[in-house]
Amino acid sequence: MKRMKDVSEIDRPREKIKTRGATTLSKQELIAAILGSGSSGRDVRDLSQELALIVDENSGNVNYEGLCAVRGMGPAKSSQIIACLELGRRLYKKDENTVKISSPSDILPLVSYLAGKKQEHFVCITLSGAHEVISVRTVTVGLLNHSLVHPREVFAEAITDRAAAVICVHNHPSGSLEPSSQDIAITRQLAEAGNVVGIRLLDHLIVAGTNFTSMKEKGLL
């Protein structure tokens, strides 16, 4: 893993918070932003990666003594993490409408309106750093089995949303779930564009009725 000093300044956690917003950061990056620096012999990125695993394994219920036992963590850094977790617990209110994407099947309910459409619709779903849905938008509507989409149309709203990632979906009115050469080409083009703007393309789904094909699962992304 790169040390923090080897990471481009624009990709460092605190700089990303300033320019893109905290929702774009992963859990590890948020912890690194809280800590600010590592300790003697241990870089903050390495330390924050271990702490993120500990927080996940304990569902956020970590204690001061346990954190102090981690190599590179002392009283000050352990107190910082405990204080942030407690503040989050006090302020956090569960939004029952929040949808978190953990697998391609989680996406289908969001695009159920595509079932039976006679034209091809291209949809972009924007996600936060925690893979929670920010918005679902139809980007273009094509004719029959032909839909043209440009990366700028996909990522323009994603940038406005301060999204960390996107998932693209389009329907095949023909009922076929097989990706066309155009589907594969636009997927790769979108992935490259996402890398440039710092918004990752997590997947591109083809849907037909209640069935789908994941480009990622097919190894095409």
C-alpha atoms as a PDB file:
ATOM      1  CA  MET A   1       0.000   0.000   0.000  1.00  0.00           C
ATOM      2  CA  LYS A   2       1.250   3.505  -0.842  1.00  0.00           C
ATOM      3  CA  ARG A   3       2.196   5.750   2.042  1.00  0.00           C
ATOM      4  CA  MET A   4       0.091   8.885   2.382  1.00  0.00           C
ATOM      5  CA  LYS A   5       2.969  11.094   1.291  1.00  0.00           C
ATOM      6  CA  ASP A   6       3.139   9.130  -1.973  1.00  0.00           C
ATOM      7  CA  VAL A   7      -0.543   9.760  -2.743  1.00  0.00           C
ATOM      8  CA  SER A   8      -1.374  12.702  -4.981  1.00  0.00           C
ATOM      9  CA  GLU A   9      -2.518  15.664  -2.877  1.00  0.00           C
ATOM     10  CA  ILE A  10      -5.893  15.846  -4.614  1.00  0.00           C
ATOM     11  CA  ASP A  11      -6.576  12.221  -3.627  1.00  0.00           C
ATOM     12  CA  ARG A  12      -5.704  12.608   0.060  1.00  0.00           C
ATOM     13  CA  PRO A  13      -8.705  12.278   2.427  1.00  0.00           C
ATOM     14  CA  ARG A  14      -8.749  15.810   3.828  1.00  0.00           C
ATOM     15  CA  GLU A  15      -8.308  17.341   0.389  1.00  0.00           C
ATOM     16  CA  LYS A  16     -11.146  15.163  -0.968  1.00  0.00           C
ATOM     17  CA  ILE A  17     -13.425  16.379   1.822  1.00  0.00           C
ATOM     18  CA  LYS A  18     -12.626  19.955   0.828  1.00  0.00           C
ATOM     19  CA  THR A  19     -13.112  19.502  -2.919  1.00  0.00           C
ATOM     20  CA  ARG A  20     -15.639  16.646  -3.243  1.00  0.00           C
ATOM     21  CA  GLY A  21     -17.389  16.309   0.104  1.00  0.00           C
ATOM     22  CA  ALA A  22     -17.170  13.729   2.895  1.00  0.00           C
ATOM     23  CA  THR A  23     -19.702  11.375   1.255  1.00  0.00           C
ATOM     24  CA  THR A  24     -17.163  10.503  -1.445  1.00  0.00           C
ATOM     25  CA  LEU A  25     -14.705   8.986   1.038  1.00  0.00           C
ATOM     26  CA  SER A  26     -14.471   5.309   1.925  1.00  0.00           C
ATOM     27  CA  LYS A  27     -14.555   4.240   5.577  1.00  0.00           C
ATOM     28  CA  GLN A  28     -10.782   3.854   5.572  1.00  0.00           C
ATOM     29  CA  GLU A  29     -10.329   7.349   4.150  1.00  0.00           C
ATOM     30  CA  LEU A  30     -12.668   8.850   6.757  1.00  0.00           C
ATOM     31  CA  ILE A  31     -10.627   7.260   9.538  1.00  0.00           C
ATOM     32  CA  ALA A  32      -7.402   8.508   7.943  1.00  0.00           C
ATOM     33  CA  ALA A  33      -8.880  12.023   7.823  1.00  0.00           C
ATOM     34  CA  ILE A  34      -9.753  11.799  11.527  1.00  0.00           C
ATOM     35  CA  LEU A  35      -6.310  10.540  12.531  1.00  0.00           C
ATOM     36  CA  GLY A  36      -4.452  13.009  10.336  1.00  0.00           C
ATOM     37  CA  SER A  37      -1.130  11.208  10.657  1.00  0.00           C
ATOM     38  CA  GLY A  38       0.333   7.840  11.466  1.00  0.00           C
ATOM     39  CA  SER A  39       2.864   6.949  14.106  1.00  0.00           C
ATOM     40  CA  SER A  40       6.513   6.062  14.196  1.00  0.00           C
ATOM     41  CA  GLY A  41       7.027   3.194  11.781  1.00  0.00           C
ATOM     42  CA  ARG A  42       3.381   3.033  10.672  1.00  0.00           C
ATOM     43  CA  ASP A  43       1.765   5.119   7.944  1.00  0.00           C
ATOM     44  CA  VAL A  44      -1.728   6.513   8.491  1.00  0.00           C
ATOM     45  CA  ARG A  45      -3.120   4.594   5.492  1.00  0.00           C
ATOM     46  CA  ASP A  46      -1.956   1.265   6.897  1.00  0.00           C
ATOM     47  CA  LEU A  47      -3.259   2.177  10.342  1.00  0.00           C
ATOM     48  CA  SER A  48      -6.644   3.364   9.058  1.00  0.00           C
ATOM     49  CA  GLN A  49      -7.077   0.187   6.996  1.00  0.00           C
ATOM     50  CA  GLU A  50      -6.708  -1.968  10.127  1.00  0.00           C
ATOM     51  CA  LEU A  51      -9.053   0.282  12.114  1.00  0.00           C
ATOM     52  CA  ALA A  52     -11.697   0.114   9.374  1.00  0.00           C
ATOM     53  CA  LEU A  53     -11.663  -3.689   9.634  1.00  0.00           C
ATOM     54  CA  ILE A  54     -11.969  -3.515  13.418  1.00  0.00           C
ATOM     55  CA  VAL A  55     -14.906  -1.103  13.191  1.00  0.00           C
ATOM     56  CA  ASP A  56     -16.631  -3.383  10.647  1.00  0.00           C
ATOM     57  CA  GLU A  57     -16.060  -6.555  12.664  1.00  0.00           C
ATOM     58  CA  ASN A  58     -17.494  -4.929  15.785  1.00  0.00           C
ATOM     59  CA  SER A  59     -20.331  -3.081  14.025  1.00  0.00           C
ATOM     60  CA  GLY A  60     -18.881   0.203  15.238  1.00  0.00           C
ATOM     61  CA  ASN A  61     -18.927  -0.897  18.901  1.00  0.00           C
ATOM     62  CA  VAL A  62     -15.216  -0.585  19.589  1.00  0.00           C
ATOM     63  CA  ASN A  63     -13.793   0.421  22.957  1.00  0.00           C
ATOM     64  CA  TYR A  64     -10.930   2.607  24.062  1.00  0.00           C
ATOM     65  CA  GLU A  65      -8.833  -0.254  25.451  1.00  0.00           C
ATOM     66  CA  GLY A  66      -9.169  -2.250  22.234  1.00  0.00           C
ATOM     67  CA  LEU A  67      -8.041   0.671  20.111  1.00  0.00           C
ATOM     68  CA  CYS A  68      -5.076   1.392  22.366  1.00  0.00           C
ATOM     69  CA  ALA A  69      -3.951  -2.217  21.846  1.00  0.00           C
ATOM     70  CA  VAL A  70      -3.556  -1.628  18.097  1.00  0.00           C
ATOM     71  CA  ARG A  71       0.063  -1.024  17.098  1.00  0.00           C
ATOM     72  CA  GLY A  72       0.497   2.657  16.334  1.00  0.00           C
ATOM     73  CA  MET A  73      -2.537   3.771  18.346  1.00  0.00           C
ATOM     74  CA  GLY A  74      -2.036   5.676  21.568  1.00  0.00           C
ATOM     75  CA  PRO A  75      -4.371   7.464  23.980  1.00  0.00           C
ATOM     76  CA  ALA A  76      -4.791  10.537  21.749  1.00  0.00           C
ATOM     77  CA  LYS A  77      -5.639   8.709  18.520  1.00  0.00           C
ATOM     78  CA  SER A  78      -7.860   6.201  20.327  1.00  0.00           C
ATOM     79  CA  SER A  79      -9.775   9.044  21.950  1.00  0.00           C
ATOM     80  CA  GLN A  80     -10.262  10.718  18.570  1.00  0.00           C
ATOM     81  CA  ILE A  81     -11.852   7.610  17.079  1.00  0.00           C
ATOM     82  CA  ILE A  82     -14.041   6.909  20.132  1.00  0.00           C
ATOM     83  CA  ALA A  83     -15.236  10.534  20.207  1.00  0.00           C
ATOM     84  CA  CYS A  84     -16.150  10.499  16.493  1.00  0.00           C
ATOM     85  CA  LEU A  85     -18.055   7.219  16.809  1.00  0.00           C
ATOM     86  CA  GLU A  86     -19.992   8.509  19.811  1.00  0.00           C
ATOM     87  CA  LEU A  87     -20.833  11.772  18.057  1.00  0.00           C
ATOM     88  CA  GLY A  88     -22.092   9.810  15.065  1.00  0.00           C
ATOM     89  CA  ARG A  89     -24.264   7.638  17.310  1.00  0.00           C
ATOM     90  CA  ARG A  90     -25.821  10.703  18.914  1.00  0.00           C
ATOM     91  CA  LEU A  91     -26.516  12.539  15.692  1.00  0.00           C
ATOM     92  CA  TYR A  92     -27.284   9.724  13.287  1.00  0.00           C
ATOM     93  CA  LYS A  93     -30.916   9.198  12.367  1.00  0.00           C
ATOM     94  CA  LYS A  94     -31.700   6.193  10.252  1.00  0.00           C
ATOM     95  CA  ASP A  95     -33.393   7.127   7.012  1.00  0.00           C
ATOM     96  CA  GLU A  96     -35.769   4.299   6.227  1.00  0.00           C
ATOM     97  CA  ASN A  97     -35.707   5.295   2.571  1.00  0.00           C
ATOM     98  CA  THR A  98     -31.933   4.920   2.238  1.00  0.00           C
ATOM     99  CA  VAL A  99     -30.992   2.114  -0.145  1.00  0.00           C
ATOM    100  CA  LYS A 100     -27.550   0.530   0.027  1.00  0.00           C
ATOM    101  CA  ILE A 101     -26.248  -1.457  -2.923  1.00  0.00           C
ATOM    102  CA  SER A 102     -24.304  -4.609  -2.043  1.00  0.00           C
ATOM    103  CA  SER A 103     -25.086  -6.794  -5.078  1.00  0.00           C
ATOM    104  CA  PRO A 104     -26.550  -6.410  -8.599  1.00  0.00           C
ATOM    105  CA  SER A 105     -29.911  -7.801  -7.416  1.00  0.00           C
ATOM    106  CA  ASP A 106     -30.292  -4.763  -5.125  1.00  0.00           C
ATOM    107  CA  ILE A 107     -30.507  -2.590  -8.231  1.00  0.00           C
ATOM    108  CA  LEU A 108     -33.535  -4.235  -9.869  1.00  0.00           C
ATOM    109  CA  PRO A 109     -36.204  -2.640  -7.632  1.00  0.00           C
ATOM    110  CA  LEU A 110     -34.790   0.779  -8.517  1.00  0.00           C
ATOM    111  CA  VAL A 111     -35.347   0.255 -12.241  1.00  0.00           C
ATOM    112  CA  SER A 112     -38.523  -1.836 -12.179  1.00  0.00           C
ATOM    113  CA  TYR A 113     -40.183   0.830 -14.327  1.00  0.00           C
ATOM    114  CA  LEU A 114     -38.094  -0.371 -17.282  1.00  0.00           C
ATOM    115  CA  ALA A 115     -40.104  -3.607 -17.542  1.00  0.00           C
ATOM    116  CA  GLY A 116     -42.162  -3.628 -20.719  1.00  0.00           C
ATOM    117  CA  LYS A 117     -40.599  -0.465 -22.174  1.00  0.00           C
ATOM    118  CA  LYS A 118     -40.545  -0.538 -25.982  1.00  0.00           C
ATOM    119  CA  GLN A 119     -37.587   1.811 -26.196  1.00  0.00           C
ATOM    120  CA  GLU A 120     -34.135   1.429 -24.747  1.00  0.00           C
ATOM    121  CA  HIS A 121     -33.616   3.558 -21.624  1.00  0.00           C
ATOM    122  CA  PHE A 122     -30.156   4.294 -20.249  1.00  0.00           C
ATOM    123  CA  VAL A 123     -30.191   4.920 -16.483  1.00  0.00           C
ATOM    124  CA  CYS A 124     -27.481   6.216 -14.160  1.00  0.00           C
ATOM    125  CA  ILE A 125     -27.585   5.478 -10.425  1.00  0.00           C
ATOM    126  CA  THR A 126     -25.280   7.674  -8.331  1.00  0.00           C
ATOM    127  CA  LEU A 127     -23.851   6.353  -5.071  1.00  0.00           C
ATOM    128  CA  SER A 128     -22.130   7.711  -1.987  1.00  0.00           C
ATOM    129  CA  GLY A 129     -18.852   6.356  -0.629  1.00  0.00           C
ATOM    130  CA  ALA A 130     -20.907   3.882   1.446  1.00  0.00           C
ATOM    131  CA  HIS A 131     -22.645   2.694  -1.767  1.00  0.00           C
ATOM    132  CA  GLU A 132     -25.916   4.302  -0.690  1.00  0.00           C
ATOM    133  CA  VAL A 133     -28.154   5.498  -3.513  1.00  0.00           C
ATOM    134  CA  ILE A 134     -28.160   9.252  -4.051  1.00  0.00           C
ATOM    135  CA  SER A 135     -30.316   9.385  -7.159  1.00  0.00           C
ATOM    136  CA  VAL A 136     -31.686   7.350 -10.060  1.00  0.00           C
ATOM    137  CA  ARG A 137     -31.909   9.175 -13.389  1.00  0.00           C
ATOM    138  CA  THR A 138     -32.838   8.239 -16.945  1.00  0.00           C
ATOM    139  CA  VAL A 139     -30.052   9.725 -19.043  1.00  0.00           C
ATOM    140  CA  THR A 140     -31.255   8.915 -22.551  1.00  0.00           C
ATOM    141  CA  VAL A 141     -34.156   7.202 -24.280  1.00  0.00           C
ATOM    142  CA  GLY A 142     -33.352   5.501 -27.581  1.00  0.00           C
ATOM    143  CA  LEU A 143     -35.303   3.943 -30.391  1.00  0.00           C
ATOM    144  CA  LEU A 144     -35.985   0.207 -30.421  1.00  0.00           C
ATOM    145  CA  ASN A 145     -32.674  -1.492 -29.503  1.00  0.00           C
ATOM    146  CA  HIS A 146     -30.451   1.505 -30.104  1.00  0.00           C
ATOM    147  CA  SER A 147     -29.513   4.037 -27.452  1.00  0.00           C
ATOM    148  CA  LEU A 148     -26.627   6.466 -27.692  1.00  0.00           C
ATOM    149  CA  VAL A 149     -25.058   7.794 -24.511  1.00  0.00           C
ATOM    150  CA  HIS A 150     -22.020   9.986 -23.960  1.00  0.00           C
ATOM    151  CA  PRO A 151     -19.878   9.914 -20.799  1.00  0.00           C
ATOM    152  CA  ARG A 152     -20.530  13.617 -20.181  1.00  0.00           C
ATOM    153  CA  GLU A 153     -24.275  12.884 -19.884  1.00  0.00           C
ATOM    154  CA  VAL A 154     -23.601  10.126 -17.349  1.00  0.00           C
ATOM    155  CA  PHE A 155     -21.070  11.940 -15.205  1.00  0.00           C
ATOM    156  CA  ALA A 156     -22.431  15.506 -15.309  1.00  0.00           C
ATOM    157  CA  GLU A 157     -25.122  14.785 -12.710  1.00  0.00           C
ATOM    158  CA  ALA A 158     -22.827  12.427 -10.804  1.00  0.00           C
ATOM    159  CA  ILE A 159     -20.390  15.298 -10.306  1.00  0.00           C
ATOM    160  CA  THR A 160     -23.249  17.540  -9.152  1.00  0.00           C
ATOM    161  CA  ASP A 161     -24.309  14.823  -6.679  1.00  0.00           C
ATOM    162  CA  ARG A 162     -20.712  14.584  -5.407  1.00  0.00           C
ATOM    163  CA  ALA A 163     -21.043  10.877  -6.051  1.00  0.00           C
ATOM    164  CA  ALA A 164     -18.252   8.434  -5.269  1.00  0.00           C
ATOM    165  CA  ALA A 165     -19.442   5.877  -7.798  1.00  0.00           C
ATOM    166  CA  VAL A 166     -22.116   5.130 -10.387  1.00  0.00           C
ATOM    167  CA  ILE A 167     -23.946   2.088 -11.675  1.00  0.00           C
ATOM    168  CA  CYS A 168     -25.384   2.195 -15.173  1.00  0.00           C
ATOM    169  CA  VAL A 169     -28.420   0.221 -16.316  1.00  0.00           C
ATOM    170  CA  HIS A 170     -30.152  -0.121 -19.659  1.00  0.00           C
ATOM    171  CA  ASN A 171     -32.943  -2.334 -20.884  1.00  0.00           C
ATOM    172  CA  HIS A 172     -33.108  -4.541 -23.955  1.00  0.00           C
ATOM    173  CA  PRO A 173     -36.685  -4.379 -25.326  1.00  0.00           C
ATOM    174  CA  SER A 174     -35.891  -7.485 -27.415  1.00  0.00           C
ATOM    175  CA  GLY A 175     -35.648  -9.539 -24.220  1.00  0.00           C
ATOM    176  CA  SER A 176     -32.059 -10.585 -24.901  1.00  0.00           C
ATOM    177  CA  LEU A 177     -29.608 -10.319 -22.001  1.00  0.00           C
ATOM    178  CA  GLU A 178     -26.542 -10.741 -24.176  1.00  0.00           C
ATOM    179  CA  PRO A 179     -24.318  -7.624 -24.258  1.00  0.00           C
ATOM    180  CA  SER A 180     -23.835  -6.214 -27.739  1.00  0.00           C
ATOM    181  CA  SER A 181     -20.481  -4.987 -29.008  1.00  0.00           C
ATOM    182  CA  GLN A 182     -21.803  -1.441 -28.507  1.00  0.00           C
ATOM    183  CA  ASP A 183     -22.753  -2.267 -24.891  1.00  0.00           C
ATOM    184  CA  ILE A 184     -19.233  -3.517 -24.202  1.00  0.00           C
ATOM    185  CA  ALA A 185     -17.627  -0.529 -25.900  1.00  0.00           C
ATOM    186  CA  ILE A 186     -19.673   2.092 -24.000  1.00  0.00           C
ATOM    187  CA  THR A 187     -19.046   0.267 -20.714  1.00  0.00           C
ATOM    188  CA  ARG A 188     -15.289   0.477 -21.197  1.00  0.00           C
ATOM    189  CA  GLN A 189     -15.562   4.094 -22.324  1.00  0.00           C
ATOM    190  CA  LEU A 190     -17.565   4.996 -19.214  1.00  0.00           C
ATOM    191  CA  ALA A 191     -15.112   3.170 -16.949  1.00  0.00           C
ATOM    192  CA  GLU A 192     -12.202   5.122 -18.445  1.00  0.00           C
ATOM    193  CA  ALA A 193     -14.069   8.418 -18.124  1.00  0.00           C
ATOM    194  CA  GLY A 194     -14.929   7.575 -14.512  1.00  0.00           C
ATOM    195  CA  ASN A 195     -11.270   7.007 -13.721  1.00  0.00           C
ATOM    196  CA  VAL A 196     -10.453  10.439 -15.109  1.00  0.00           C
ATOM    197  CA  VAL A 197     -13.067  12.300 -13.027  1.00  0.00           C
ATOM    198  CA  GLY A 198     -12.579  10.137  -9.920  1.00  0.00           C
ATOM    199  CA  ILE A 199     -16.045   8.545  -9.973  1.00  0.00           C
ATOM    200  CA  ARG A 200     -15.843   4.778 -10.331  1.00  0.00           C
ATOM    201  CA  LEU A 201     -18.186   2.801 -12.576  1.00  0.00           C
ATOM    202  CA  LEU A 202     -19.117  -0.116 -10.306  1.00  0.00           C
ATOM    203  CA  ASP A 203     -21.241  -2.049 -12.793  1.00  0.00           C
ATOM    204  CA  HIS A 204     -23.342  -1.846 -15.937  1.00  0.00           C
ATOM    205  CA  LEU A 205     -26.498  -3.943 -15.980  1.00  0.00           C
ATOM    206  CA  ILE A 206     -28.583  -5.070 -18.910  1.00  0.00           C
ATOM    207  CA  VAL A 207     -32.162  -5.793 -17.849  1.00  0.00           C
ATOM    208  CA  ALA A 208     -35.007  -7.558 -19.605  1.00  0.00           C
ATOM    209  CA  GLY A 209     -38.165  -8.055 -17.597  1.00  0.00           C
ATOM    210  CA  THR A 210     -37.105  -9.307 -14.157  1.00  0.00           C
ATOM    211  CA  ASN A 211     -33.811 -10.746 -15.376  1.00  0.00           C
ATOM    212  CA  PHE A 212     -30.454  -9.045 -15.714  1.00  0.00           C
ATOM    213  CA  THR A 213     -26.858  -9.432 -16.832  1.00  0.00           C
ATOM    214  CA  SER A 214     -24.034  -7.823 -14.876  1.00  0.00           C
ATOM    215  CA  MET A 215     -21.149  -6.662 -17.025  1.00  0.00           C
ATOM    216  CA  LYS A 216     -18.894  -6.831 -13.986  1.00  0.00           C
ATOM    217  CA  GLU A 217     -19.840 -10.433 -13.216  1.00  0.00           C
ATOM    218  CA  LYS A 218     -19.201 -11.345 -16.855  1.00  0.00           C
ATOM    219  CA  GLY A 219     -15.697  -9.883 -16.615  1.00  0.00           C
ATOM    220  CA  LEU A 220     -16.455  -7.103 -19.101  1.00  0.00           C
ATOM    221  CA  LEU A 221     -15.720  -4.285 -16.644  1.00  0.00           C
END
